[in-house]
């Protein structure tokens, strides 16, 4: 899936509206739909991450507005709302974030801060 995602130029008509920069990554994640019985475990690959959310290719489509629990690592599980969907690529915004989790997310993102940010 190299380069198949739509790209827009950051112009005055399309400024970068993100509160936090996103960092390019390539790591596995798991998501579970909140309130779904039986328990669902949806694998995916995180492609970019920032302190406010992430972008990921998921093995199943989720619907905008759905709330999921995302496991980013062994000690980091967060809630996120699906905000964007294009095929199997999803944009998630972290929600219901506690202060201690915000610090963990910040530390998690710092390990990918190589100076290359995506918009």
N, C-alpha and C. Protein backbone atom coordinates (compact mmCIF):
# COMPACT_ATOMS: atom_id res chain seq x y z
N UNK A 1 0.82 -1.20 0.00
CA UNK A 1 0.00 0.00 0.00
C UNK A 1 0.85 1.24 0.00
N UNK A 2 1.83 1.30 -0.81
CA UNK A 2 2.73 2.44 -0.81
C UNK A 2 2.15 3.57 -1.64
N UNK A 3 1.85 4.65 -0.94
CA UNK A 3 1.42 5.86 -1.61
C UNK A 3 -0.02 5.86 -2.10
N UNK A 4 -0.83 4.90 -1.72
CA UNK A 4 -2.20 4.85 -2.23
C UNK A 4 -3.16 5.72 -1.43
N UNK A 5 -2.72 6.27 -0.32
CA UNK A 5 -3.60 7.12 0.48
C UNK A 5 -3.63 8.52 -0.11
N UNK A 6 -4.80 9.17 -0.08
CA UNK A 6 -4.89 10.52 -0.65
C UNK A 6 -4.03 11.49 0.13
N UNK A 7 -3.40 12.39 -0.60
CA UNK A 7 -2.56 13.41 0.00
C UNK A 7 -3.10 14.78 -0.41
N UNK A 8 -3.07 15.73 0.53
CA UNK A 8 -3.45 17.09 0.19
C UNK A 8 -2.28 18.00 0.53
N UNK A 9 -2.13 19.02 -0.26
CA UNK A 9 -1.09 20.01 0.02
C UNK A 9 -1.57 20.90 1.15
N UNK A 10 -0.65 21.29 2.03
CA UNK A 10 -0.99 22.20 3.11
C UNK A 10 -0.89 23.63 2.59
N UNK A 11 -2.03 24.14 2.23
CA UNK A 11 -2.13 25.50 1.70
C UNK A 11 -3.04 26.29 2.63
N UNK A 12 -3.19 27.59 2.41
CA UNK A 12 -4.13 28.34 3.24
C UNK A 12 -5.54 27.74 3.22
N UNK A 13 -5.92 27.08 2.11
CA UNK A 13 -7.23 26.44 2.03
C UNK A 13 -7.26 25.14 2.83
N UNK A 14 -6.09 24.47 3.00
CA UNK A 14 -5.98 23.20 3.71
C UNK A 14 -4.83 23.26 4.71
N UNK A 15 -4.98 24.07 5.75
CA UNK A 15 -3.87 24.14 6.73
C UNK A 15 -3.82 22.87 7.58
N UNK A 16 -2.67 22.63 8.20
CA UNK A 16 -2.53 21.49 9.11
C UNK A 16 -3.31 21.84 10.38
N UNK A 17 -4.41 21.13 10.61
CA UNK A 17 -5.28 21.44 11.73
C UNK A 17 -5.02 20.54 12.93
N UNK A 18 -3.98 19.75 12.90
CA UNK A 18 -3.69 18.87 14.02
C UNK A 18 -3.14 19.66 15.19
N UNK A 19 -3.55 19.24 16.38
CA UNK A 19 -3.02 19.86 17.59
C UNK A 19 -1.62 19.36 17.89
N UNK A 20 -1.32 18.14 17.47
CA UNK A 20 -0.02 17.52 17.74
C UNK A 20 0.53 16.95 16.44
N UNK A 21 1.85 17.02 16.25
CA UNK A 21 2.42 16.40 15.05
C UNK A 21 2.30 14.88 15.13
N UNK A 22 2.25 14.27 13.98
CA UNK A 22 2.22 12.81 13.90
C UNK A 22 3.58 12.33 13.41
N UNK A 23 3.98 11.16 13.92
CA UNK A 23 5.26 10.56 13.58
C UNK A 23 5.01 9.26 12.82
N UNK A 24 5.81 9.05 11.79
CA UNK A 24 5.68 7.81 11.01
C UNK A 24 6.18 6.63 11.83
N UNK A 25 5.38 5.57 11.84
CA UNK A 25 5.74 4.35 12.55
C UNK A 25 5.26 3.16 11.71
N UNK A 26 5.66 1.99 12.10
CA UNK A 26 5.16 0.76 11.49
C UNK A 26 5.23 -0.33 12.55
N UNK A 27 4.13 -0.48 13.28
CA UNK A 27 4.11 -1.45 14.38
C UNK A 27 2.71 -2.02 14.52
N UNK A 28 2.63 -3.24 15.02
CA UNK A 28 1.31 -3.87 15.18
C UNK A 28 0.54 -3.26 16.35
N UNK A 29 -0.78 -3.23 16.20
CA UNK A 29 -1.67 -2.80 17.28
C UNK A 29 -2.86 -3.76 17.28
N UNK A 30 -3.62 -3.70 18.35
CA UNK A 30 -4.88 -4.45 18.45
C UNK A 30 -5.96 -3.50 18.93
N UNK A 31 -7.14 -3.65 18.36
CA UNK A 31 -8.27 -2.82 18.77
C UNK A 31 -9.44 -3.72 19.15
N UNK A 32 -10.21 -3.27 20.11
CA UNK A 32 -11.43 -3.97 20.53
C UNK A 32 -12.57 -2.95 20.55
N UNK A 33 -13.68 -3.31 19.94
CA UNK A 33 -14.83 -2.41 19.92
C UNK A 33 -15.45 -2.39 21.31
N UNK A 34 -15.60 -1.22 21.87
CA UNK A 34 -16.15 -1.09 23.22
C UNK A 34 -17.63 -1.46 23.23
N UNK A 35 -18.01 -2.27 24.21
CA UNK A 35 -19.39 -2.69 24.37
C UNK A 35 -19.81 -3.79 23.43
N UNK A 36 -18.86 -4.36 22.70
CA UNK A 36 -19.18 -5.42 21.75
C UNK A 36 -19.08 -6.78 22.43
N UNK A 37 -20.14 -7.54 22.36
CA UNK A 37 -20.13 -8.91 22.88
C UNK A 37 -20.44 -9.84 21.73
N UNK A 38 -19.76 -10.90 21.47
CA UNK A 38 -18.56 -11.31 22.21
C UNK A 38 -17.39 -10.39 21.90
N UNK A 39 -16.37 -10.49 22.74
CA UNK A 39 -15.18 -9.65 22.63
C UNK A 39 -14.60 -9.73 21.22
N UNK A 40 -14.32 -8.59 20.64
CA UNK A 40 -13.71 -8.55 19.31
C UNK A 40 -12.26 -8.09 19.44
N UNK A 41 -11.39 -8.70 18.71
CA UNK A 41 -9.97 -8.34 18.72
C UNK A 41 -9.55 -8.14 17.28
N UNK A 42 -9.36 -6.88 16.89
CA UNK A 42 -9.06 -6.55 15.50
C UNK A 42 -7.61 -6.15 15.37
N UNK A 43 -6.81 -6.95 14.69
CA UNK A 43 -5.40 -6.58 14.50
C UNK A 43 -5.24 -5.50 13.44
N UNK A 44 -4.16 -4.75 13.56
CA UNK A 44 -3.86 -3.73 12.58
C UNK A 44 -2.40 -3.32 12.65
N UNK A 45 -2.02 -2.36 11.79
CA UNK A 45 -0.66 -1.81 11.77
C UNK A 45 -0.76 -0.31 11.90
N UNK A 46 -0.16 0.21 12.96
CA UNK A 46 -0.10 1.64 13.17
C UNK A 46 0.90 2.23 12.18
N UNK A 47 0.49 3.22 11.42
CA UNK A 47 1.35 3.84 10.40
C UNK A 47 1.84 5.23 10.80
N UNK A 48 1.09 5.89 11.70
CA UNK A 48 1.50 7.19 12.22
C UNK A 48 0.85 7.38 13.58
N UNK A 49 1.56 8.11 14.44
CA UNK A 49 1.05 8.32 15.79
C UNK A 49 1.42 9.72 16.26
N UNK A 50 0.55 10.30 17.06
CA UNK A 50 0.78 11.59 17.69
C UNK A 50 0.12 11.59 19.05
N UNK A 51 0.33 12.62 19.81
CA UNK A 51 -0.24 12.68 21.15
C UNK A 51 -1.76 12.74 21.15
N UNK A 52 -2.37 13.10 20.03
CA UNK A 52 -3.82 13.20 19.96
C UNK A 52 -4.51 12.06 19.25
N UNK A 53 -3.74 11.18 18.61
CA UNK A 53 -4.37 10.08 17.90
C UNK A 53 -3.38 9.33 17.03
N UNK A 54 -3.93 8.48 16.17
CA UNK A 54 -3.07 7.68 15.30
C UNK A 54 -3.79 7.33 14.02
N UNK A 55 -3.02 6.90 13.04
CA UNK A 55 -3.54 6.38 11.79
C UNK A 55 -3.10 4.94 11.66
N UNK A 56 -4.02 4.05 11.25
CA UNK A 56 -3.68 2.63 11.19
C UNK A 56 -4.47 1.92 10.11
N UNK A 57 -3.83 0.93 9.53
CA UNK A 57 -4.51 -0.02 8.65
C UNK A 57 -5.04 -1.13 9.54
N UNK A 58 -6.34 -1.36 9.48
CA UNK A 58 -6.96 -2.38 10.32
C UNK A 58 -7.44 -3.54 9.44
N UNK A 59 -7.51 -4.73 10.01
CA UNK A 59 -7.92 -5.91 9.25
C UNK A 59 -9.43 -5.95 9.01
N UNK A 60 -10.18 -5.09 9.69
CA UNK A 60 -11.62 -5.01 9.51
C UNK A 60 -12.01 -3.54 9.55
N UNK A 61 -13.08 -3.19 8.85
CA UNK A 61 -13.51 -1.79 8.85
C UNK A 61 -14.31 -1.46 10.10
N UNK A 62 -13.99 -0.32 10.67
CA UNK A 62 -14.73 0.24 11.79
C UNK A 62 -15.50 1.45 11.27
N UNK A 63 -16.51 1.86 11.98
CA UNK A 63 -17.34 2.96 11.52
C UNK A 63 -16.97 4.26 12.23
N UNK A 64 -16.97 5.37 11.49
CA UNK A 64 -16.72 6.66 12.14
C UNK A 64 -17.68 6.85 13.32
N UNK A 65 -17.12 7.29 14.43
CA UNK A 65 -17.90 7.48 15.65
C UNK A 65 -17.78 6.33 16.63
N UNK A 66 -17.36 5.14 16.16
CA UNK A 66 -17.19 4.01 17.07
C UNK A 66 -16.06 4.28 18.05
N UNK A 67 -16.23 3.81 19.26
CA UNK A 67 -15.19 3.92 20.29
C UNK A 67 -14.54 2.54 20.43
N UNK A 68 -13.23 2.54 20.39
CA UNK A 68 -12.47 1.29 20.52
C UNK A 68 -11.41 1.44 21.61
N UNK A 69 -10.98 0.32 22.11
CA UNK A 69 -9.84 0.27 23.01
C UNK A 69 -8.67 -0.20 22.17
N UNK A 70 -7.57 0.56 22.17
CA UNK A 70 -6.41 0.22 21.35
C UNK A 70 -5.23 -0.09 22.25
N UNK A 71 -4.63 -1.23 21.99
CA UNK A 71 -3.42 -1.62 22.72
C UNK A 71 -2.21 -1.25 21.87
N UNK A 72 -1.50 -0.21 22.33
CA UNK A 72 -0.31 0.25 21.61
C UNK A 72 0.94 -0.50 22.04
N UNK A 73 0.92 -1.03 23.23
CA UNK A 73 2.05 -1.76 23.79
C UNK A 73 1.61 -2.46 25.05
N UNK A 74 2.52 -3.21 25.66
CA UNK A 74 2.16 -3.98 26.85
C UNK A 74 1.66 -3.13 28.02
N UNK A 75 2.12 -1.91 28.12
CA UNK A 75 1.72 -1.05 29.24
C UNK A 75 0.89 0.15 28.80
N UNK A 76 0.40 0.13 27.56
CA UNK A 76 -0.32 1.30 27.06
C UNK A 76 -1.56 0.87 26.27
N UNK A 77 -2.71 1.07 26.90
CA UNK A 77 -3.99 0.79 26.29
C UNK A 77 -4.82 2.06 26.42
N UNK A 78 -5.37 2.53 25.30
CA UNK A 78 -6.11 3.80 25.29
C UNK A 78 -7.44 3.62 24.58
N UNK A 79 -8.36 4.54 24.87
CA UNK A 79 -9.62 4.59 24.13
C UNK A 79 -9.46 5.57 22.99
N UNK A 80 -10.10 5.25 21.87
CA UNK A 80 -10.02 6.12 20.71
C UNK A 80 -11.34 6.08 19.95
N UNK A 81 -11.66 7.20 19.32
CA UNK A 81 -12.84 7.29 18.47
C UNK A 81 -12.39 7.25 17.01
N UNK A 82 -13.12 6.50 16.21
CA UNK A 82 -12.84 6.47 14.77
C UNK A 82 -13.31 7.80 14.20
N UNK A 83 -12.40 8.55 13.59
CA UNK A 83 -12.74 9.86 13.03
C UNK A 83 -12.67 9.89 11.50
N UNK A 84 -11.98 8.90 10.91
CA UNK A 84 -11.73 8.90 9.48
C UNK A 84 -11.65 7.47 9.00
N UNK A 85 -12.17 7.22 7.82
CA UNK A 85 -12.11 5.89 7.22
C UNK A 85 -11.91 6.04 5.72
N UNK A 86 -10.91 5.36 5.20
CA UNK A 86 -10.67 5.31 3.75
C UNK A 86 -10.23 3.88 3.45
N UNK A 87 -11.16 3.07 2.97
CA UNK A 87 -10.86 1.66 2.78
C UNK A 87 -10.67 1.00 4.14
N UNK A 88 -9.47 0.48 4.36
CA UNK A 88 -9.15 -0.13 5.66
C UNK A 88 -8.21 0.75 6.48
N UNK A 89 -7.94 1.96 5.98
CA UNK A 89 -7.12 2.91 6.72
C UNK A 89 -8.04 3.75 7.61
N UNK A 90 -7.71 3.82 8.90
CA UNK A 90 -8.53 4.51 9.88
C UNK A 90 -7.75 5.62 10.56
N UNK A 91 -8.42 6.71 10.84
CA UNK A 91 -7.87 7.77 11.67
C UNK A 91 -8.57 7.71 13.02
N UNK A 92 -7.81 7.65 14.10
CA UNK A 92 -8.35 7.56 15.45
C UNK A 92 -7.95 8.78 16.26
N UNK A 93 -8.89 9.28 17.06
CA UNK A 93 -8.59 10.34 18.03
C UNK A 93 -8.68 9.74 19.43
N UNK A 94 -7.64 9.94 20.23
CA UNK A 94 -7.67 9.43 21.60
C UNK A 94 -8.74 10.18 22.39
N UNK A 95 -9.54 9.43 23.15
CA UNK A 95 -10.61 10.00 23.96
C UNK A 95 -10.56 9.42 25.37
N UNK A 96 -11.20 10.09 26.31
CA UNK A 96 -11.25 9.64 27.70
C UNK A 96 -9.85 9.39 28.26
N UNK A 97 -8.92 10.27 27.95
CA UNK A 97 -7.52 10.07 28.33
C UNK A 97 -7.27 10.62 29.73
N UNK A 98 -6.80 9.77 30.61
CA UNK A 98 -6.41 10.19 31.97
C UNK A 98 -5.02 10.83 31.90
N UNK A 99 -4.71 11.64 32.89
CA UNK A 99 -3.43 12.35 32.89
C UNK A 99 -2.24 11.39 32.85
N UNK A 100 -2.30 10.31 33.61
CA UNK A 100 -1.18 9.36 33.61
C UNK A 100 -1.03 8.69 32.24
N UNK A 101 -2.16 8.44 31.57
CA UNK A 101 -2.10 7.86 30.22
C UNK A 101 -1.58 8.88 29.21
N UNK A 102 -1.92 10.15 29.41
CA UNK A 102 -1.41 11.19 28.51
C UNK A 102 0.11 11.24 28.56
N UNK A 103 0.67 11.09 29.74
CA UNK A 103 2.13 11.06 29.88
C UNK A 103 2.72 9.83 29.20
N UNK A 104 2.05 8.69 29.31
CA UNK A 104 2.52 7.47 28.64
C UNK A 104 2.46 7.63 27.13
N UNK A 105 1.39 8.25 26.63
CA UNK A 105 1.27 8.49 25.19
C UNK A 105 2.38 9.42 24.72
N UNK A 106 2.64 10.47 25.49
CA UNK A 106 3.70 11.42 25.15
C UNK A 106 5.06 10.71 25.09
N UNK A 107 5.33 9.86 26.06
CA UNK A 107 6.58 9.09 26.07
C UNK A 107 6.63 8.11 24.90
N UNK A 108 5.51 7.47 24.61
CA UNK A 108 5.42 6.54 23.48
C UNK A 108 5.74 7.25 22.17
N UNK A 109 5.16 8.44 21.97
CA UNK A 109 5.39 9.21 20.74
C UNK A 109 6.83 9.70 20.63
N UNK A 110 7.44 10.03 21.76
CA UNK A 110 8.80 10.57 21.76
C UNK A 110 9.79 9.58 21.17
N UNK A 111 9.54 8.29 21.31
CA UNK A 111 10.49 7.32 20.75
C UNK A 111 10.48 7.29 19.22
N UNK A 112 9.46 7.89 18.60
CA UNK A 112 9.37 7.94 17.14
C UNK A 112 9.70 9.31 16.58
N UNK A 113 10.03 10.26 17.44
CA UNK A 113 10.31 11.62 17.02
C UNK A 113 11.69 11.69 16.37
N UNK A 114 11.69 11.48 15.05
CA UNK A 114 12.93 11.51 14.28
C UNK A 114 13.07 12.79 13.47
N UNK A 115 12.13 13.71 13.70
CA UNK A 115 12.17 14.95 12.93
C UNK A 115 11.35 14.86 11.66
N UNK A 116 10.84 13.66 11.33
CA UNK A 116 10.01 13.49 10.15
C UNK A 116 8.56 13.39 10.60
N UNK A 117 7.80 14.44 10.33
CA UNK A 117 6.40 14.48 10.74
C UNK A 117 5.53 14.37 9.50
N UNK A 118 4.37 13.79 9.68
CA UNK A 118 3.41 13.80 8.59
C UNK A 118 2.28 14.74 8.97
N UNK A 119 1.60 15.24 7.98
CA UNK A 119 0.54 16.23 8.22
C UNK A 119 -0.79 15.58 8.46
